[in-house]
C-alpha atoms as a PDB file:
ATOM      1  CA  MET A   1       3.455 -13.622  39.079  1.00  0.00           C
ATOM      2  CA  PRO A   2       2.535 -13.491  35.356  1.00  0.00           C
ATOM      3  CA  ARG A   3       3.436 -10.372  33.540  1.00  0.00           C
ATOM      4  CA  LYS A   4       0.764  -8.398  31.694  1.00  0.00           C
ATOM      5  CA  PRO A   5       1.443  -8.296  27.969  1.00  0.00           C
ATOM      6  CA  VAL A   6       2.537  -4.886  26.772  1.00  0.00           C
ATOM      7  CA  PRO A   7       0.394  -3.680  23.885  1.00  0.00           C
ATOM      8  CA  MET A   8       2.280  -3.181  20.682  1.00  0.00           C
ATOM      9  CA  MET A   9       1.686  -0.065  18.678  1.00  0.00           C
ATOM     10  CA  ARG A  10       1.269   0.269  14.939  1.00  0.00           C
ATOM     11  CA  THR A  11       1.425   3.524  12.962  1.00  0.00           C
ATOM     12  CA  SER A  12      -1.609   4.321  10.850  1.00  0.00           C
ATOM     13  CA  ARG A  13      -1.925   7.009   8.211  1.00  0.00           C
ATOM     14  CA  GLY A  14      -5.592   7.867   8.183  1.00  0.00           C
ATOM     15  CA  GLY A  15      -6.728  11.064   6.472  1.00  0.00           C
ATOM     16  CA  GLY A  16      -3.153  12.405   6.211  1.00  0.00           C
ATOM     17  CA  ALA A  17      -2.552  12.232   9.940  1.00  0.00           C
ATOM     18  CA  ILE A  18      -0.262   9.703  11.547  1.00  0.00           C
ATOM     19  CA  THR A  19      -1.712   8.041  14.625  1.00  0.00           C
ATOM     20  CA  GLN A  20      -0.639   5.246  16.936  1.00  0.00           C
ATOM     21  CA  VAL A  21      -3.226   2.464  17.426  1.00  0.00           C
ATOM     22  CA  ALA A  22      -2.867  -0.222  19.980  1.00  0.00           C
ATOM     23  CA  GLU A  23      -2.449  -3.726  18.534  1.00  0.00           C
ATOM     24  CA  GLU A  24      -5.493  -5.027  20.453  1.00  0.00           C
ATOM     25  CA  ARG A  25      -7.649  -2.300  18.921  1.00  0.00           C
ATOM     26  CA  ILE A  26      -6.464  -3.229  15.438  1.00  0.00           C
ATOM     27  CA  ALA A  27      -7.433  -6.823  16.051  1.00  0.00           C
ATOM     28  CA  ALA A  28     -10.768  -5.708  17.461  1.00  0.00           C
ATOM     29  CA  LEU A  29     -11.418  -3.618  14.383  1.00  0.00           C
ATOM     30  CA  ALA A  30     -10.850  -6.571  12.096  1.00  0.00           C
ATOM     31  CA  ILE A  31     -13.178  -8.732  14.164  1.00  0.00           C
ATOM     32  CA  GLU A  32     -15.856  -5.994  14.227  1.00  0.00           C
ATOM     33  CA  PHE A  33     -15.623  -5.633  10.416  1.00  0.00           C
ATOM     34  CA  ILE A  34     -16.093  -9.334   9.873  1.00  0.00           C
ATOM     35  CA  ALA A  35     -18.991  -9.436  12.355  1.00  0.00           C
ATOM     36  CA  PHE A  36     -20.559  -6.462  10.520  1.00  0.00           C
ATOM     37  CA  CYS A  37     -20.306  -8.241   7.163  1.00  0.00           C
ATOM     38  CA  PHE A  38     -21.666 -11.514   8.594  1.00  0.00           C
ATOM     39  CA  GLN A  39     -24.592  -9.714  10.175  1.00  0.00           C
ATOM     40  CA  ARG A  40     -25.376  -8.084   6.782  1.00  0.00           C
ATOM     41  CA  ARG A  41     -25.231 -11.428   5.019  1.00  0.00           C
ATOM     42  CA  SER A  42     -25.069 -14.644   7.011  1.00  0.00           C
ATOM     43  CA  VAL A  43     -23.180 -16.794   4.451  1.00  0.00           C
ATOM     44  CA  GLU A  44     -20.221 -19.115   4.514  1.00  0.00           C
ATOM     45  CA  TRP A  45     -16.831 -18.589   2.911  1.00  0.00           C
ATOM     46  CA  PRO A  46     -16.294 -17.693  -0.046  1.00  0.00           C
ATOM     47  CA  GLN A  47     -19.641 -15.780  -0.188  1.00  0.00           C
ATOM     48  CA  LEU A  48     -18.607 -14.010   2.970  1.00  0.00           C
ATOM     49  CA  TYR A  49     -15.440 -12.901   1.243  1.00  0.00           C
ATOM     50  CA  ASP A  50     -17.557 -11.399  -1.554  1.00  0.00           C
ATOM     51  CA  GLU A  51     -19.556  -9.488   1.084  1.00  0.00           C
ATOM     52  CA  MET A  52     -16.394  -8.297   2.792  1.00  0.00           C
ATOM     53  CA  CYS A  53     -15.043  -7.057  -0.527  1.00  0.00           C
ATOM     54  CA  TYR A  54     -18.277  -5.256  -1.299  1.00  0.00           C
ATOM     55  CA  VAL A  55     -18.339  -3.577   2.115  1.00  0.00           C
ATOM     56  CA  ALA A  56     -14.659  -2.592   1.907  1.00  0.00           C
ATOM     57  CA  GLY A  57     -14.951  -1.418  -1.657  1.00  0.00           C
ATOM     58  CA  ASN A  58     -17.822   0.823  -0.811  1.00  0.00           C
ATOM     59  CA  ARG A  59     -16.452   1.839   2.596  1.00  0.00           C
ATOM     60  CA  LEU A  60     -19.705   0.793   4.325  1.00  0.00           C
ATOM     61  CA  TYR A  61     -18.099   0.036   7.680  1.00  0.00           C
ATOM     62  CA  LYS A  62     -16.851   3.179   9.487  1.00  0.00           C
ATOM     63  CA  GLY A  63     -15.601   4.501   6.181  1.00  0.00           C
ATOM     64  CA  LEU A  64     -12.854   1.873   6.010  1.00  0.00           C
ATOM     65  CA  GLY A  65     -11.505   0.608   2.664  1.00  0.00           C
ATOM     66  CA  TYR A  66      -9.029  -2.050   1.652  1.00  0.00           C
ATOM     67  CA  ASP A  67      -5.915  -0.160   2.789  1.00  0.00           C
ATOM     68  CA  GLU A  68      -7.257   0.635   6.254  1.00  0.00           C
ATOM     69  CA  LEU A  69      -8.429  -2.969   6.732  1.00  0.00           C
ATOM     70  CA  ARG A  70      -5.064  -4.330   5.603  1.00  0.00           C
ATOM     71  CA  GLU A  71      -3.513  -2.123   8.346  1.00  0.00           C
ATOM     72  CA  ALA A  72      -6.016  -3.756  10.757  1.00  0.00           C
ATOM     73  CA  GLY A  73      -4.782  -7.217   9.728  1.00  0.00           C
ATOM     74  CA  LEU A  74      -7.296  -8.154   7.036  1.00  0.00           C
ATOM     75  CA  ASP A  75      -5.514  -8.730   3.759  1.00  0.00           C
ATOM     76  CA  PHE A  76      -7.819  -9.314   0.747  1.00  0.00           C
ATOM     77  CA  THR A  77      -4.987 -10.174  -1.595  1.00  0.00           C
ATOM     78  CA  LEU A  78      -4.249 -13.707  -2.688  1.00  0.00           C
ATOM     79  CA  SER A  79      -1.202 -13.968  -0.451  1.00  0.00           C
ATOM     80  CA  GLY A  80      -3.261 -12.884   2.643  1.00  0.00           C
ATOM     81  CA  LEU A  81      -6.380 -14.781   1.897  1.00  0.00           C
ATOM     82  CA  ALA A  82      -5.655 -17.943   3.906  1.00  0.00           C
ATOM     83  CA  ARG A  83      -5.199 -15.901   7.139  1.00  0.00           C
ATOM     84  CA  THR A  84      -8.247 -13.730   6.453  1.00  0.00           C
ATOM     85  CA  SER A  85     -10.262 -16.868   5.834  1.00  0.00           C
ATOM     86  CA  ARG A  86      -9.157 -18.369   9.139  1.00  0.00           C
ATOM     87  CA  VAL A  87      -9.934 -15.227  11.037  1.00  0.00           C
ATOM     88  CA  ALA A  88     -13.410 -14.985   9.395  1.00  0.00           C
ATOM     89  CA  ALA A  89     -14.142 -18.638  10.167  1.00  0.00           C
ATOM     90  CA  GLU A  90     -13.288 -18.139  13.837  1.00  0.00           C
ATOM     91  CA  VAL A  91     -15.368 -14.952  14.105  1.00  0.00           C
ATOM     92  CA  THR A  92     -18.441 -16.491  12.422  1.00  0.00           C
ATOM     93  CA  ARG A  93     -18.092 -19.714  14.477  1.00  0.00           C
ATOM     94  CA  SER A  94     -18.080 -17.632  17.649  1.00  0.00           C
ATOM     95  CA  MET A  95     -21.045 -15.584  16.546  1.00  0.00           C
ATOM     96  CA  ARG A  96     -23.061 -18.763  15.743  1.00  0.00           C
ATOM     97  CA  ARG A  97     -22.178 -20.244  19.202  1.00  0.00           C
ATOM     98  CA  GLU A  98     -23.394 -17.008  20.923  1.00  0.00           C
ATOM     99  CA  ALA A  99     -26.589 -17.044  18.887  1.00  0.00           C
ATOM    100  CA  LEU A 100     -27.294 -20.671  19.928  1.00  0.00           C
ATOM    101  CA  ALA A 101     -26.538 -19.915  23.577  1.00  0.00           C
ATOM    102  CA  SER A 102     -29.040 -17.103  23.752  1.00  0.00           C
END
């Protein structure tokens, strides 16, 4: 019988308080952020990156900025850009598929 994966926990320091957030929720937050940015401006990479930076810089999505999004797995730095680009491409591809199916 296959075992259920045990959710990993990550410590987050939001507003001075330390909280534990399930790893699945962190991934979901990153996906929701990308979807929010793509809904605001349906463009391809690198214009989507510009929109994501604008949204993060102005904390337009749930008050989250660069630091909180980095904790959620979205790194806007040069070293993290390749991974962020891949995640964004998958999220936008999925959103386009869903739009065509409906």
